[in-house]
Amino acid sequence: MADTTTKPTEIIHVDERTVACDGGDGALGHPRVFLRIEGRDKLCPYCSRLYVLNEGAGDDHGH
């Protein structure tokens, strides 16, 4: 059965290559997952939030 309550994709701009996503909405969210942005963006497999790396961010120097 398809989930008809899915919200449209939200785009979140970030400065770090590793982000934590819990879906928001408190108890209505999902388990916290840590996502690694390899290229320029990463889609959360639970809630379809799109995390986009800001220009010039995420060089990970020293990590």
Protein backbone atom coordinates (compact mmCIF):
# COMPACT_ATOMS: atom_id res chain seq x y z
CA MET A 1 0.00 0.00 0.00
CA ALA A 2 1.43 3.37 -1.03
CA ASP A 3 2.06 6.02 1.62
CA THR A 4 -0.17 8.96 0.68
CA THR A 5 0.99 11.13 3.63
CA THR A 6 4.51 11.73 2.29
CA LYS A 7 5.43 15.43 2.26
CA PRO A 8 7.17 16.97 -0.75
CA THR A 9 10.96 16.82 -0.71
CA GLU A 10 12.57 19.43 1.52
CA ILE A 11 15.94 20.87 0.46
CA ILE A 12 18.39 21.60 3.26
CA HIS A 13 21.71 23.36 2.55
CA VAL A 14 24.58 22.23 4.78
CA ASP A 15 28.28 22.98 5.33
CA GLU A 16 29.38 19.50 6.44
CA ARG A 17 29.63 16.26 4.45
CA THR A 18 28.13 14.23 7.31
CA VAL A 19 24.61 15.14 8.40
CA ALA A 20 22.18 13.63 10.90
CA CYS A 21 18.55 13.24 9.83
CA ASP A 22 15.65 12.21 12.04
CA GLY A 23 12.86 13.28 9.72
CA GLY A 24 11.84 16.15 11.97
CA ASP A 25 8.35 16.29 13.46
CA GLY A 26 9.53 14.90 16.81
CA ALA A 27 7.94 11.53 17.54
CA LEU A 28 6.51 11.44 14.01
CA GLY A 29 9.98 11.45 12.45
CA HIS A 30 12.21 8.40 11.90
CA PRO A 31 15.26 6.89 13.62
CA ARG A 32 18.27 9.21 13.44
CA VAL A 33 20.56 8.26 10.59
CA PHE A 34 23.90 9.77 9.64
CA LEU A 35 24.25 10.45 5.94
CA ARG A 36 27.55 11.02 4.15
CA ILE A 37 27.43 13.42 1.20
CA GLU A 38 29.90 12.01 -1.32
CA GLY A 39 29.15 14.37 -4.21
CA ARG A 40 27.05 17.52 -3.96
CA ASP A 41 23.87 16.13 -2.37
CA LYS A 42 22.32 13.19 -0.55
CA LEU A 43 18.71 12.06 -0.25
CA CYS A 44 17.50 10.60 3.05
CA PRO A 45 16.12 7.10 2.36
CA TYR A 46 13.49 7.51 5.10
CA CYS A 47 11.95 10.94 4.55
CA SER A 48 13.28 12.12 1.17
CA ARG A 49 14.87 15.26 2.58
CA LEU A 50 17.55 16.38 0.18
CA TYR A 51 20.77 17.60 1.79
CA VAL A 52 22.79 19.85 -0.52
CA LEU A 53 26.40 20.77 0.22
CA ASN A 54 27.00 24.54 0.08
CA GLU A 55 29.53 25.80 -2.48
CA GLY A 56 33.07 25.58 -1.06
CA ALA A 57 31.99 23.57 1.99
CA GLY A 58 32.84 20.05 3.02
CA ASP A 59 36.52 19.86 2.12
CA ASP A 60 37.08 17.73 5.27
CA HIS A 61 40.61 19.01 5.82
CA GLY A 62 42.19 17.14 8.69
CA HIS A 63 39.42 14.53 8.98
